[in-house]
PDB file of N, CA and C in Angstrom:
ATOM      1  N   MET A   1    -140.316  26.266 -72.414  1.00  0.00           N
ATOM      2  CA  MET A   1    -141.212  26.716 -73.450  1.00  0.00           C
ATOM      3  C   MET A   1    -141.639  25.539 -74.310  1.00  0.00           C
ATOM      4  N   SER A   2    -142.870  25.580 -74.738  1.00  0.00           N
ATOM      5  CA  SER A   2    -143.410  24.526 -75.582  1.00  0.00           C
ATOM      6  C   SER A   2    -143.711  25.095 -76.970  1.00  0.00           C
ATOM      7  N   LEU A   3    -143.243  24.409 -77.994  1.00  0.00           N
ATOM      8  CA  LEU A   3    -143.538  24.805 -79.372  1.00  0.00           C
ATOM      9  C   LEU A   3    -144.466  23.774 -79.975  1.00  0.00           C
ATOM     10  N   SER A   4    -145.489  24.247 -80.645  1.00  0.00           N
ATOM     11  CA  SER A   4    -146.424  23.350 -81.296  1.00  0.00           C
ATOM     12  C   SER A   4    -146.196  23.428 -82.805  1.00  0.00           C
ATOM     13  N   ILE A   5    -145.210  22.667 -83.265  1.00  0.00           N
ATOM     14  CA  ILE A   5    -144.874  22.655 -84.688  1.00  0.00           C
ATOM     15  C   ILE A   5    -144.630  21.208 -85.110  1.00  0.00           C
ATOM     16  N   PRO A   6    -144.903  20.892 -86.369  1.00  0.00           N
ATOM     17  CA  PRO A   6    -144.637  19.530 -86.829  1.00  0.00           C
ATOM     18  C   PRO A   6    -143.137  19.287 -86.972  1.00  0.00           C
ATOM     19  N   LEU A   7    -142.740  18.051 -86.710  1.00  0.00           N
ATOM     20  CA  LEU A   7    -141.356  17.646 -86.872  1.00  0.00           C
ATOM     21  C   LEU A   7    -141.258  16.687 -88.045  1.00  0.00           C
ATOM     22  N   LEU A   8    -140.103  16.639 -88.669  1.00  0.00           N
ATOM     23  CA  LEU A   8    -139.900  15.809 -89.846  1.00  0.00           C
ATOM     24  C   LEU A   8    -138.717  14.885 -89.628  1.00  0.00           C
ATOM     25  N   ALA A   9    -138.904  13.624 -89.908  1.00  0.00           N
ATOM     26  CA  ALA A   9    -137.796  12.671 -89.943  1.00  0.00           C
ATOM     27  C   ALA A   9    -137.470  12.444 -91.419  1.00  0.00           C
ATOM     28  N   ASP A  10    -136.216  12.227 -91.740  1.00  0.00           N
ATOM     29  CA  ASP A  10    -135.796  12.104 -93.133  1.00  0.00           C
ATOM     30  C   ASP A  10    -134.936  10.847 -93.329  1.00  0.00           C
ATOM     31  N   PRO A  11    -135.535   9.661 -93.189  1.00  0.00           N
ATOM     32  CA  PRO A  11    -134.737   8.434 -93.266  1.00  0.00           C
ATOM     33  C   PRO A  11    -134.090   8.202 -94.629  1.00  0.00           C
ATOM     34  N   THR A  12    -134.631   8.761 -95.692  1.00  0.00           N
ATOM     35  CA  THR A  12    -134.024   8.582 -97.017  1.00  0.00           C
ATOM     36  C   THR A  12    -133.021   9.679 -97.345  1.00  0.00           C
ATOM     37  N   ARG A  13    -132.898  10.663 -96.446  1.00  0.00           N
ATOM     38  CA  ARG A  13    -131.968  11.790 -96.596  1.00  0.00           C
ATOM     39  C   ARG A  13    -132.262  12.670 -97.813  1.00  0.00           C
ATOM     40  N   SER A  14    -133.478  12.636 -98.330  1.00  0.00           N
ATOM     41  CA  SER A  14    -133.818  13.470 -99.486  1.00  0.00           C
ATOM     42  C   SER A  14    -133.818  14.955 -99.129  1.00  0.00           C
ATOM     43  N   LEU A  15    -134.294  15.295 -97.930  1.00  0.00           N
ATOM     44  CA  LEU A  15    -134.265  16.701 -97.521  1.00  0.00           C
ATOM     45  C   LEU A  15    -132.840  17.156 -97.244  1.00  0.00           C
ATOM     46  N   TYR A  16    -132.024  16.282 -96.638  1.00  0.00           N
ATOM     47  CA  TYR A  16    -130.613  16.611 -96.449  1.00  0.00           C
ATOM     48  C   TYR A  16    -129.977  16.984 -97.784  1.00  0.00           C
ATOM     49  N   ALA A  17    -130.255  16.201 -98.810  1.00  0.00           N
ATOM     50  CA  ALA A  17    -129.687  16.470-100.137  1.00  0.00           C
ATOM     51  C   ALA A  17    -130.219  17.786-100.699  1.00  0.00           C
ATOM     52  N   ALA A  18    -131.522  18.022-100.559  1.00  0.00           N
ATOM     53  CA  ALA A  18    -132.117  19.260-101.090  1.00  0.00           C
ATOM     54  C   ALA A  18    -131.557  20.496-100.395  1.00  0.00           C
ATOM     55  N   LEU A  19    -131.227  20.370 -99.114  1.00  0.00           N
ATOM     56  CA  LEU A  19    -130.665  21.498 -98.360  1.00  0.00           C
ATOM     57  C   LEU A  19    -129.146  21.539 -98.429  1.00  0.00           C
ATOM     58  N   ALA A  20    -128.555  20.606 -99.148  1.00  0.00           N
ATOM     59  CA  ALA A  20    -127.098  20.517 -99.314  1.00  0.00           C
ATOM     60  C   ALA A  20    -126.376  20.397 -97.968  1.00  0.00           C
ATOM     61  N   LEU A  21    -126.928  19.585 -97.078  1.00  0.00           N
ATOM     62  CA  LEU A  21    -126.298  19.355 -95.783  1.00  0.00           C
ATOM     63  C   LEU A  21    -125.278  18.233 -95.935  1.00  0.00           C
ATOM     64  N   PRO A  22    -124.018  18.532 -95.679  1.00  0.00           N
ATOM     65  CA  PRO A  22    -122.968  17.532 -95.931  1.00  0.00           C
ATOM     66  C   PRO A  22    -122.844  16.494 -94.824  1.00  0.00           C
ATOM     67  N   ARG A  23    -122.206  15.410 -95.163  1.00  0.00           N
ATOM     68  CA  ARG A  23    -121.778  14.439 -94.152  1.00  0.00           C
ATOM     69  C   ARG A  23    -120.413  14.911 -93.672  1.00  0.00           C
ATOM     70  N   VAL A  24    -120.113  14.686 -92.397  1.00  0.00           N
ATOM     71  CA  VAL A  24    -118.861  15.164 -91.806  1.00  0.00           C
ATOM     72  C   VAL A  24    -118.083  14.002 -91.203  1.00  0.00           C
ATOM     73  N   LEU A  25    -116.894  14.291 -90.723  1.00  0.00           N
ATOM     74  CA  LEU A  25    -116.002  13.280 -90.133  1.00  0.00           C
ATOM     75  C   LEU A  25    -115.806  12.100 -91.090  1.00  0.00           C
ATOM     76  N   ALA A  26    -115.244  12.414 -92.223  1.00  0.00           N
ATOM     77  CA  ALA A  26    -114.949  11.408 -93.253  1.00  0.00           C
ATOM     78  C   ALA A  26    -116.204  10.670 -93.711  1.00  0.00           C
ATOM     79  N   GLY A  27    -117.338  11.386 -93.719  1.00  0.00           N
ATOM     80  CA  GLY A  27    -118.588  10.804 -94.204  1.00  0.00           C
ATOM     81  C   GLY A  27    -119.306   9.904 -93.233  1.00  0.00           C
ATOM     82  N   THR A  28    -118.878   9.902 -91.964  1.00  0.00           N
ATOM     83  CA  THR A  28    -119.488   8.996 -90.997  1.00  0.00           C
ATOM     84  C   THR A  28    -120.698   9.587 -90.279  1.00  0.00           C
ATOM     85  N   LEU A  29    -120.826  10.916 -90.242  1.00  0.00           N
ATOM     86  CA  LEU A  29    -121.937  11.563 -89.546  1.00  0.00           C
ATOM     87  C   LEU A  29    -122.654  12.535 -90.467  1.00  0.00           C
ATOM     88  N   GLN A  30    -123.963  12.584 -90.344  1.00  0.00           N
ATOM     89  CA  GLN A  30    -124.763  13.548 -91.093  1.00  0.00           C
ATOM     90  C   GLN A  30    -124.802  14.858 -90.314  1.00  0.00           C
ATOM     91  N   THR A  31    -124.643  15.982 -90.993  1.00  0.00           N
ATOM     92  CA  THR A  31    -124.784  17.287 -90.355  1.00  0.00           C
ATOM     93  C   THR A  31    -126.184  17.402 -89.774  1.00  0.00           C
ATOM     94  N   SER A  32    -126.295  17.914 -88.550  1.00  0.00           N
ATOM     95  CA  SER A  32    -127.597  18.140 -87.921  1.00  0.00           C
ATOM     96  C   SER A  32    -128.105  19.518 -88.304  1.00  0.00           C
ATOM     97  N   ALA A  33    -129.424  19.656 -88.347  1.00  0.00           N
ATOM     98  CA  ALA A  33    -129.979  20.956 -88.717  1.00  0.00           C
ATOM     99  C   ALA A  33    -131.345  21.162 -88.085  1.00  0.00           C
ATOM    100  N   THR A  34    -131.653  22.423 -87.875  1.00  0.00           N
ATOM    101  CA  THR A  34    -132.984  22.857 -87.497  1.00  0.00           C
ATOM    102  C   THR A  34    -133.445  23.770 -88.613  1.00  0.00           C
ATOM    103  N   ALA A  35    -134.630  23.533 -89.141  1.00  0.00           N
ATOM    104  CA  ALA A  35    -135.115  24.326 -90.279  1.00  0.00           C
ATOM    105  C   ALA A  35    -136.565  24.722 -90.074  1.00  0.00           C
ATOM    106  N   ILE A  36    -136.924  25.863 -90.634  1.00  0.00           N
ATOM    107  CA  ILE A  36    -138.322  26.261 -90.765  1.00  0.00           C
ATOM    108  C   ILE A  36    -138.598  26.275 -92.257  1.00  0.00           C
ATOM    109  N   ILE A  37    -139.546  25.457 -92.666  1.00  0.00           N
ATOM    110  CA  ILE A  37    -139.939  25.372 -94.071  1.00  0.00           C
ATOM    111  C   ILE A  37    -141.422  25.687 -94.124  1.00  0.00           C
ATOM    112  N   ASP A  38    -141.789  26.715 -94.882  1.00  0.00           N
ATOM    113  CA  ASP A  38    -143.197  27.115 -94.897  1.00  0.00           C
ATOM    114  C   ASP A  38    -144.033  26.137 -95.722  1.00  0.00           C
ATOM    115  N   ARG A  39    -145.330  26.328 -95.700  1.00  0.00           N
ATOM    116  CA  ARG A  39    -146.249  25.406 -96.393  1.00  0.00           C
ATOM    117  C   ARG A  39    -145.995  25.342 -97.890  1.00  0.00           C
ATOM    118  N   GLY A  40    -145.398  26.389 -98.449  1.00  0.00           N
ATOM    119  CA  GLY A  40    -145.079  26.407 -99.871  1.00  0.00           C
ATOM    120  C   GLY A  40    -143.751  25.758-100.199  1.00  0.00           C
ATOM    121  N   GLY A  41    -143.013  25.321 -99.169  1.00  0.00           N
ATOM    122  CA  GLY A  41    -141.741  24.650 -99.389  1.00  0.00           C
ATOM    123  C   GLY A  41    -140.531  25.579 -99.351  1.00  0.00           C
ATOM    124  N   THR A  42    -140.740  26.855 -99.014  1.00  0.00           N
ATOM    125  CA  THR A  42    -139.627  27.798 -98.936  1.00  0.00           C
ATOM    126  C   THR A  42    -138.930  27.677 -97.582  1.00  0.00           C
ATOM    127  N   VAL A  43    -137.618  27.556 -97.614  1.00  0.00           N
ATOM    128  CA  VAL A  43    -136.839  27.493 -96.376  1.00  0.00           C
ATOM    129  C   VAL A  43    -136.757  28.898 -95.796  1.00  0.00           C
ATOM    130  N   ARG A  44    -137.337  29.082 -94.625  1.00  0.00           N
ATOM    131  CA  ARG A  44    -137.358  30.390 -93.959  1.00  0.00           C
ATOM    132  C   ARG A  44    -136.234  30.530 -92.942  1.00  0.00           C
ATOM    133  N   TYR A  45    -135.705  29.395 -92.488  1.00  0.00           N
ATOM    134  CA  TYR A  45    -134.643  29.410 -91.482  1.00  0.00           C
ATOM    135  C   TYR A  45    -133.897  28.091 -91.567  1.00  0.00           C
ATOM    136  N   LEU A  46    -132.584  28.154 -91.472  1.00  0.00           N
ATOM    137  CA  LEU A  46    -131.785  26.933 -91.471  1.00  0.00           C
ATOM    138  C   LEU A  46    -130.552  27.167 -90.610  1.00  0.00           C
ATOM    139  N   ARG A  47    -130.374  26.308 -89.638  1.00  0.00           N
ATOM    140  CA  ARG A  47    -129.159  26.333 -88.804  1.00  0.00           C
ATOM    141  C   ARG A  47    -128.592  24.927 -88.855  1.00  0.00           C
ATOM    142  N   ALA A  48    -127.433  24.781 -89.461  1.00  0.00           N
ATOM    143  CA  ALA A  48    -126.789  23.479 -89.614  1.00  0.00           C
ATOM    144  C   ALA A  48    -125.470  23.477 -88.845  1.00  0.00           C
ATOM    145  N   GLN A  49    -125.225  22.396 -88.132  1.00  0.00           N
ATOM    146  CA  GLN A  49    -124.011  22.263 -87.328  1.00  0.00           C
ATOM    147  C   GLN A  49    -123.539  20.815 -87.359  1.00  0.00           C
ATOM    148  N   ALA A  50    -122.244  20.633 -87.330  1.00  0.00           N
ATOM    149  CA  ALA A  50    -121.701  19.273 -87.245  1.00  0.00           C
ATOM    150  C   ALA A  50    -122.010  18.656 -85.885  1.00  0.00           C
ATOM    151  N   ASN A  51    -122.050  19.483 -84.848  1.00  0.00           N
ATOM    152  CA  ASN A  51    -122.364  19.011 -83.495  1.00  0.00           C
ATOM    153  C   ASN A  51    -123.873  19.132 -83.279  1.00  0.00           C
ATOM    154  N   PRO A  52    -124.592  18.024 -83.126  1.00  0.00           N
ATOM    155  CA  PRO A  52    -126.048  18.076 -82.967  1.00  0.00           C
ATOM    156  C   PRO A  52    -126.517  18.938 -81.796  1.00  0.00           C
ATOM    157  N   GLN A  53    -125.700  19.033 -80.752  1.00  0.00           N
ATOM    158  CA  GLN A  53    -126.078  19.845 -79.599  1.00  0.00           C
ATOM    159  C   GLN A  53    -126.083  21.337 -79.924  1.00  0.00           C
ATOM    160  N   GLN A  54    -125.466  21.719 -81.039  1.00  0.00           N
ATOM    161  CA  GLN A  54    -125.420  23.124 -81.429  1.00  0.00           C
ATOM    162  C   GLN A  54    -126.371  23.457 -82.575  1.00  0.00           C
ATOM    163  N   SER A  55    -127.153  22.494 -83.038  1.00  0.00           N
ATOM    164  CA  SER A  55    -128.024  22.750 -84.183  1.00  0.00           C
ATOM    165  C   SER A  55    -129.337  23.426 -83.793  1.00  0.00           C
ATOM    166  N   LEU A  56    -129.574  23.590 -82.500  1.00  0.00           N
ATOM    167  CA  LEU A  56    -130.792  24.265 -82.046  1.00  0.00           C
ATOM    168  C   LEU A  56    -130.420  25.431 -81.143  1.00  0.00           C
ATOM    169  N   ASP A  57    -130.811  26.619 -81.555  1.00  0.00           N
ATOM    170  CA  ASP A  57    -130.657  27.828 -80.739  1.00  0.00           C
ATOM    171  C   ASP A  57    -132.070  28.371 -80.561  1.00  0.00           C
ATOM    172  N   MET A  58    -132.642  28.185 -79.363  1.00  0.00           N
ATOM    173  CA  MET A  58    -134.050  28.541 -79.141  1.00  0.00           C
ATOM    174  C   MET A  58    -134.338  30.024 -79.369  1.00  0.00           C
ATOM    175  N   VAL A  59    -133.440  30.911 -78.980  1.00  0.00           N
ATOM    176  CA  VAL A  59    -133.660  32.344 -79.178  1.00  0.00           C
ATOM    177  C   VAL A  59    -133.717  32.654 -80.669  1.00  0.00           C
ATOM    178  N   GLU A  60    -132.760  32.111 -81.409  1.00  0.00           N
ATOM    179  CA  GLU A  60    -132.726  32.303 -82.863  1.00  0.00           C
ATOM    180  C   GLU A  60    -133.969  31.695 -83.516  1.00  0.00           C
ATOM    181  N   LEU A  61    -134.348  30.502 -83.080  1.00  0.00           N
ATOM    182  CA  LEU A  61    -135.512  29.824 -83.636  1.00  0.00           C
ATOM    183  C   LEU A  61    -136.789  30.604 -83.360  1.00  0.00           C
ATOM    184  N   GLN A  62    -136.958  31.091 -82.147  1.00  0.00           N
ATOM    185  CA  GLN A  62    -138.154  31.873 -81.811  1.00  0.00           C
ATOM    186  C   GLN A  62    -138.225  33.146 -82.645  1.00  0.00           C
ATOM    187  N   ALA A  63    -137.092  33.811 -82.857  1.00  0.00           N
ATOM    188  CA  ALA A  63    -137.068  35.016 -83.688  1.00  0.00           C
ATOM    189  C   ALA A  63    -137.454  34.693 -85.128  1.00  0.00           C
ATOM    190  N   ALA A  64    -136.937  33.571 -85.646  1.00  0.00           N
ATOM    191  CA  ALA A  64    -137.274  33.166 -87.006  1.00  0.00           C
ATOM    192  C   ALA A  64    -138.738  32.818 -87.141  1.00  0.00           C
ATOM    193  N   LEU A  65    -139.294  32.131 -86.125  1.00  0.00           N
ATOM    194  CA  LEU A  65    -140.723  31.799 -86.151  1.00  0.00           C
ATOM    195  C   LEU A  65    -141.570  33.065 -86.125  1.00  0.00           C
ATOM    196  N   ALA A  66    -141.196  34.011 -85.292  1.00  0.00           N
ATOM    197  CA  ALA A  66    -141.952  35.282 -85.202  1.00  0.00           C
ATOM    198  C   ALA A  66    -141.881  36.038 -86.524  1.00  0.00           C
ATOM    199  N   ALA A  67    -140.720  36.016 -87.178  1.00  0.00           N
ATOM    200  CA  ALA A  67    -140.560  36.736 -88.445  1.00  0.00           C
ATOM    201  C   ALA A  67    -141.296  36.061 -89.600  1.00  0.00           C
ATOM    202  N   SER A  68    -141.527  34.741 -89.482  1.00  0.00           N
ATOM    203  CA  SER A  68    -142.147  34.017 -90.587  1.00  0.00           C
ATOM    204  C   SER A  68    -143.683  34.001 -90.516  1.00  0.00           C
ATOM    205  N   THR A  69    -144.244  34.574 -89.464  1.00  0.00           N
ATOM    206  CA  THR A  69    -145.715  34.562 -89.352  1.00  0.00           C
ATOM    207  C   THR A  69    -146.316  35.865 -89.812  1.00  0.00           C
TER     208      THR A  69
END
């Protein structure tokens, strides 16, 4: 499946701080997350996991996208 949505990189970690995403493993790793943030800045969906391979659940994400439109 192909999703046509913008992606965000956060090199200054300002969004991590705003979403209160913690650093894990004695502060050595940043928590990974998948988020839907609407044009007004409201967080519509957030899935955060210490393991980056678990931060994306396509079924959950598709349901959240459908609910936010």
